[in-house]
Amino acid sequence: MGNSFQKACSFITALALSVIAVQLIPFSRDKELSNHCREYLAMSNGPTTPEITEKINSKSKIIVSKSGISNEYKEITKYCGSFYLNQR
């Protein structure tokens, strides 16, 4: 009797943890994109060198592929700025 009760509790715990993990996926993706945008804005507002320009271009490609926006500088800056509208 105790063994089947323990198995049932283990199953419920595993199921609950799986549901919680699945619910956190969109949150973690949003935070990942937010971090890419933060790095992009920090690099684009600072002094530029050829290697920094290359890093900015690679960050913009990542942001464009993950967000689905166009590859224009204004569009990326506007999108990245939208993460921080409530913080200013």
N, C-alpha and C. Protein backbone atom coordinates (compact mmCIF):
# COMPACT_ATOMS: atom_id res chain seq x y z
N MET A 1 0.82 -1.19 0.00
CA MET A 1 0.00 0.00 0.00
C MET A 1 0.87 1.26 0.00
N GLY A 2 1.88 1.28 0.87
CA GLY A 2 2.74 2.45 0.95
C GLY A 2 3.57 2.65 -0.30
N ASN A 3 3.95 1.54 -0.94
CA ASN A 3 4.76 1.62 -2.15
C ASN A 3 3.98 2.26 -3.30
N SER A 4 2.71 1.88 -3.47
CA SER A 4 1.91 2.47 -4.56
C SER A 4 1.59 3.93 -4.26
N PHE A 5 1.43 4.27 -2.99
CA PHE A 5 1.19 5.68 -2.62
C PHE A 5 2.43 6.51 -2.94
N GLN A 6 3.60 5.97 -2.66
CA GLN A 6 4.85 6.68 -2.96
C GLN A 6 5.02 6.85 -4.47
N LYS A 7 4.69 5.84 -5.24
CA LYS A 7 4.79 5.94 -6.70
C LYS A 7 3.82 6.99 -7.24
N ALA A 8 2.61 7.02 -6.68
CA ALA A 8 1.62 8.01 -7.12
C ALA A 8 2.09 9.42 -6.80
N CYS A 9 2.65 9.62 -5.62
CA CYS A 9 3.16 10.95 -5.25
C CYS A 9 4.34 11.35 -6.13
N SER A 10 5.20 10.40 -6.44
CA SER A 10 6.34 10.68 -7.32
C SER A 10 5.86 11.07 -8.72
N PHE A 11 4.85 10.38 -9.22
CA PHE A 11 4.30 10.69 -10.53
C PHE A 11 3.69 12.09 -10.54
N ILE A 12 2.94 12.43 -9.52
CA ILE A 12 2.32 13.76 -9.45
C ILE A 12 3.38 14.84 -9.36
N THR A 13 4.43 14.61 -8.58
CA THR A 13 5.52 15.58 -8.46
C THR A 13 6.22 15.77 -9.81
N ALA A 14 6.50 14.68 -10.49
CA ALA A 14 7.17 14.77 -11.80
C ALA A 14 6.28 15.49 -12.81
N LEU A 15 5.00 15.21 -12.78
CA LEU A 15 4.07 15.87 -13.69
C LEU A 15 3.99 17.37 -13.40
N ALA A 16 3.95 17.73 -12.13
CA ALA A 16 3.88 19.14 -11.76
C ALA A 16 5.14 19.88 -12.18
N LEU A 17 6.30 19.28 -11.98
CA LEU A 17 7.55 19.92 -12.39
C LEU A 17 7.64 20.06 -13.91
N SER A 18 7.13 19.10 -14.63
CA SER A 18 7.12 19.19 -16.10
C SER A 18 6.23 20.33 -16.57
N VAL A 19 5.08 20.49 -15.95
CA VAL A 19 4.17 21.58 -16.33
C VAL A 19 4.81 22.93 -16.03
N ILE A 20 5.45 23.06 -14.88
CA ILE A 20 6.11 24.32 -14.52
C ILE A 20 7.23 24.63 -15.51
N ALA A 21 8.02 23.62 -15.87
CA ALA A 21 9.12 23.84 -16.80
C ALA A 21 8.61 24.28 -18.17
N VAL A 22 7.54 23.69 -18.64
CA VAL A 22 6.97 24.06 -19.95
C VAL A 22 6.42 25.48 -19.92
N GLN A 23 5.85 25.89 -18.79
CA GLN A 23 5.31 27.24 -18.69
C GLN A 23 6.40 28.29 -18.66
N LEU A 24 7.60 27.94 -18.24
CA LEU A 24 8.69 28.91 -18.15
C LEU A 24 9.43 29.10 -19.47
N ILE A 25 9.20 28.28 -20.47
CA ILE A 25 9.91 28.39 -21.74
C ILE A 25 9.69 29.74 -22.41
N PRO A 26 8.45 30.24 -22.56
CA PRO A 26 8.30 31.56 -23.20
C PRO A 26 8.97 32.68 -22.41
N PHE A 27 8.95 32.60 -21.10
CA PHE A 27 9.59 33.61 -20.27
C PHE A 27 11.10 33.62 -20.51
N SER A 28 11.72 32.45 -20.58
CA SER A 28 13.16 32.39 -20.78
C SER A 28 13.55 32.85 -22.19
N ARG A 29 12.71 32.57 -23.17
CA ARG A 29 12.99 33.04 -24.53
C ARG A 29 12.90 34.56 -24.60
N ASP A 30 11.93 35.13 -23.91
CA ASP A 30 11.77 36.58 -23.88
C ASP A 30 12.97 37.23 -23.20
N LYS A 31 13.43 36.66 -22.11
CA LYS A 31 14.59 37.20 -21.41
C LYS A 31 15.86 37.06 -22.24
N GLU A 32 15.99 35.97 -22.97
CA GLU A 32 17.15 35.80 -23.84
C GLU A 32 17.19 36.88 -24.91
N LEU A 33 16.04 37.13 -25.53
CA LEU A 33 15.96 38.18 -26.54
C LEU A 33 16.21 39.55 -25.93
N SER A 34 15.71 39.76 -24.72
CA SER A 34 15.94 41.02 -24.02
C SER A 34 17.43 41.23 -23.76
N ASN A 35 18.14 40.18 -23.39
CA ASN A 35 19.58 40.29 -23.16
C ASN A 35 20.33 40.58 -24.45
N HIS A 36 19.92 39.95 -25.56
CA HIS A 36 20.55 40.25 -26.85
C HIS A 36 20.32 41.71 -27.21
N CYS A 37 19.11 42.21 -26.97
CA CYS A 37 18.82 43.61 -27.28
C CYS A 37 19.63 44.54 -26.40
N ARG A 38 19.78 44.20 -25.13
CA ARG A 38 20.56 45.03 -24.22
C ARG A 38 22.01 45.13 -24.69
N GLU A 39 22.58 44.01 -25.10
CA GLU A 39 23.95 44.01 -25.61
C GLU A 39 24.05 44.79 -26.92
N TYR A 40 23.05 44.63 -27.78
CA TYR A 40 23.04 45.34 -29.06
C TYR A 40 23.00 46.85 -28.84
N LEU A 41 22.11 47.31 -27.95
CA LEU A 41 21.99 48.74 -27.69
C LEU A 41 23.25 49.30 -27.04
N ALA A 42 23.86 48.54 -26.15
CA ALA A 42 25.09 48.99 -25.49
C ALA A 42 26.23 49.13 -26.50
N MET A 43 26.34 48.17 -27.42
CA MET A 43 27.40 48.24 -28.41
C MET A 43 27.13 49.33 -29.44
N SER A 44 25.87 49.53 -29.83
CA SER A 44 25.59 50.51 -30.87
C SER A 44 25.65 51.94 -30.35
N ASN A 45 25.53 52.14 -29.04
CA ASN A 45 25.61 53.49 -28.48
C ASN A 45 27.02 53.87 -28.07
N GLY A 46 27.96 52.97 -28.15
CA GLY A 46 29.34 53.24 -27.77
C GLY A 46 30.20 53.55 -28.97
N PRO A 47 31.50 53.69 -28.73
CA PRO A 47 32.43 53.93 -29.84
C PRO A 47 32.50 52.71 -30.75
N THR A 48 32.73 52.95 -32.02
CA THR A 48 32.74 51.84 -32.98
C THR A 48 34.15 51.58 -33.50
N THR A 49 34.46 50.32 -33.59
CA THR A 49 35.67 49.84 -34.24
C THR A 49 35.21 48.74 -35.19
N PRO A 50 36.08 48.29 -36.08
CA PRO A 50 35.65 47.22 -37.00
C PRO A 50 35.17 45.95 -36.28
N GLU A 51 35.82 45.59 -35.17
CA GLU A 51 35.38 44.37 -34.47
C GLU A 51 34.06 44.59 -33.74
N ILE A 52 33.83 45.79 -33.23
CA ILE A 52 32.54 46.08 -32.59
C ILE A 52 31.44 46.12 -33.64
N THR A 53 31.72 46.66 -34.80
CA THR A 53 30.75 46.67 -35.88
C THR A 53 30.38 45.25 -36.29
N GLU A 54 31.36 44.37 -36.31
CA GLU A 54 31.09 42.96 -36.64
C GLU A 54 30.21 42.32 -35.56
N LYS A 55 30.46 42.64 -34.30
CA LYS A 55 29.64 42.10 -33.21
C LYS A 55 28.21 42.65 -33.28
N ILE A 56 28.09 43.94 -33.63
CA ILE A 56 26.76 44.54 -33.77
C ILE A 56 25.98 43.84 -34.88
N ASN A 57 26.65 43.58 -35.99
CA ASN A 57 25.99 42.88 -37.10
C ASN A 57 25.55 41.47 -36.72
N SER A 58 26.39 40.77 -35.97
CA SER A 58 26.01 39.41 -35.55
C SER A 58 24.85 39.45 -34.56
N LYS A 59 24.84 40.44 -33.65
CA LYS A 59 23.72 40.58 -32.71
C LYS A 59 22.44 40.93 -33.46
N SER A 60 22.54 41.79 -34.45
CA SER A 60 21.34 42.16 -35.20
C SER A 60 20.78 40.96 -35.96
N LYS A 61 21.65 40.09 -36.48
CA LYS A 61 21.18 38.88 -37.16
C LYS A 61 20.46 37.95 -36.18
N ILE A 62 20.99 37.83 -34.97
CA ILE A 62 20.35 36.98 -33.96
C ILE A 62 18.98 37.54 -33.59
N ILE A 63 18.91 38.86 -33.38
CA ILE A 63 17.65 39.50 -32.99
C ILE A 63 16.62 39.35 -34.09
N VAL A 64 17.03 39.56 -35.34
CA VAL A 64 16.12 39.45 -36.47
C VAL A 64 15.60 38.02 -36.60
N SER A 65 16.48 37.04 -36.44
CA SER A 65 16.04 35.64 -36.60
C SER A 65 15.12 35.21 -35.46
N LYS A 66 15.34 35.70 -34.26
CA LYS A 66 14.52 35.27 -33.12
C LYS A 66 13.22 36.05 -33.00
N SER A 67 13.18 37.29 -33.52
CA SER A 67 11.98 38.11 -33.36
C SER A 67 11.11 38.16 -34.61
N GLY A 68 11.71 37.98 -35.77
CA GLY A 68 10.94 38.02 -37.01
C GLY A 68 10.70 39.42 -37.55
N ILE A 69 11.50 40.40 -37.12
CA ILE A 69 11.36 41.76 -37.63
C ILE A 69 12.30 41.94 -38.82
N SER A 70 12.19 43.09 -39.47
CA SER A 70 13.05 43.34 -40.63
C SER A 70 14.46 43.68 -40.17
N ASN A 71 15.40 43.63 -41.09
CA ASN A 71 16.81 43.81 -40.78
C ASN A 71 17.25 45.27 -40.90
N GLU A 72 16.38 46.22 -40.64
CA GLU A 72 16.73 47.63 -40.69
C GLU A 72 17.15 48.11 -39.31
N TYR A 73 18.12 49.04 -39.29
CA TYR A 73 18.65 49.56 -38.03
C TYR A 73 17.55 50.19 -37.18
N LYS A 74 16.69 51.00 -37.80
CA LYS A 74 15.63 51.68 -37.05
C LYS A 74 14.63 50.69 -36.46
N GLU A 75 14.31 49.66 -37.23
CA GLU A 75 13.35 48.65 -36.77
C GLU A 75 13.91 47.86 -35.58
N ILE A 76 15.18 47.49 -35.67
CA ILE A 76 15.81 46.74 -34.57
C ILE A 76 15.91 47.62 -33.33
N THR A 77 16.31 48.87 -33.48
CA THR A 77 16.43 49.78 -32.35
C THR A 77 15.08 50.04 -31.71
N LYS A 78 14.06 50.20 -32.52
CA LYS A 78 12.71 50.41 -32.00
C LYS A 78 12.23 49.17 -31.24
N TYR A 79 12.47 48.00 -31.81
CA TYR A 79 12.06 46.76 -31.16
C TYR A 79 12.80 46.57 -29.83
N CYS A 80 14.09 46.79 -29.84
CA CYS A 80 14.87 46.63 -28.61
C CYS A 80 14.52 47.68 -27.58
N GLY A 81 14.19 48.87 -28.02
CA GLY A 81 13.77 49.91 -27.09
C GLY A 81 12.44 49.60 -26.45
N SER A 82 11.61 48.79 -27.09
CA SER A 82 10.30 48.46 -26.54
C SER A 82 10.40 47.63 -25.27
N PHE A 83 11.51 46.94 -25.06
CA PHE A 83 11.70 46.18 -23.83
C PHE A 83 11.85 47.09 -22.62
N TYR A 84 12.29 48.32 -22.85
CA TYR A 84 12.68 49.19 -21.74
C TYR A 84 11.82 50.42 -21.60
N LEU A 85 10.65 50.44 -22.25
CA LEU A 85 9.77 51.61 -22.15
C LEU A 85 9.29 51.86 -20.73
N ASN A 86 9.02 50.82 -20.00
CA ASN A 86 8.49 50.97 -18.64
C ASN A 86 9.59 51.23 -17.61
N GLN A 87 10.83 51.12 -18.00
CA GLN A 87 11.92 51.29 -17.05
C GLN A 87 12.50 52.70 -17.06
N ARG A 88 12.12 53.52 -18.02
CA ARG A 88 12.71 54.86 -18.10
C ARG A 88 12.00 55.85 -17.24
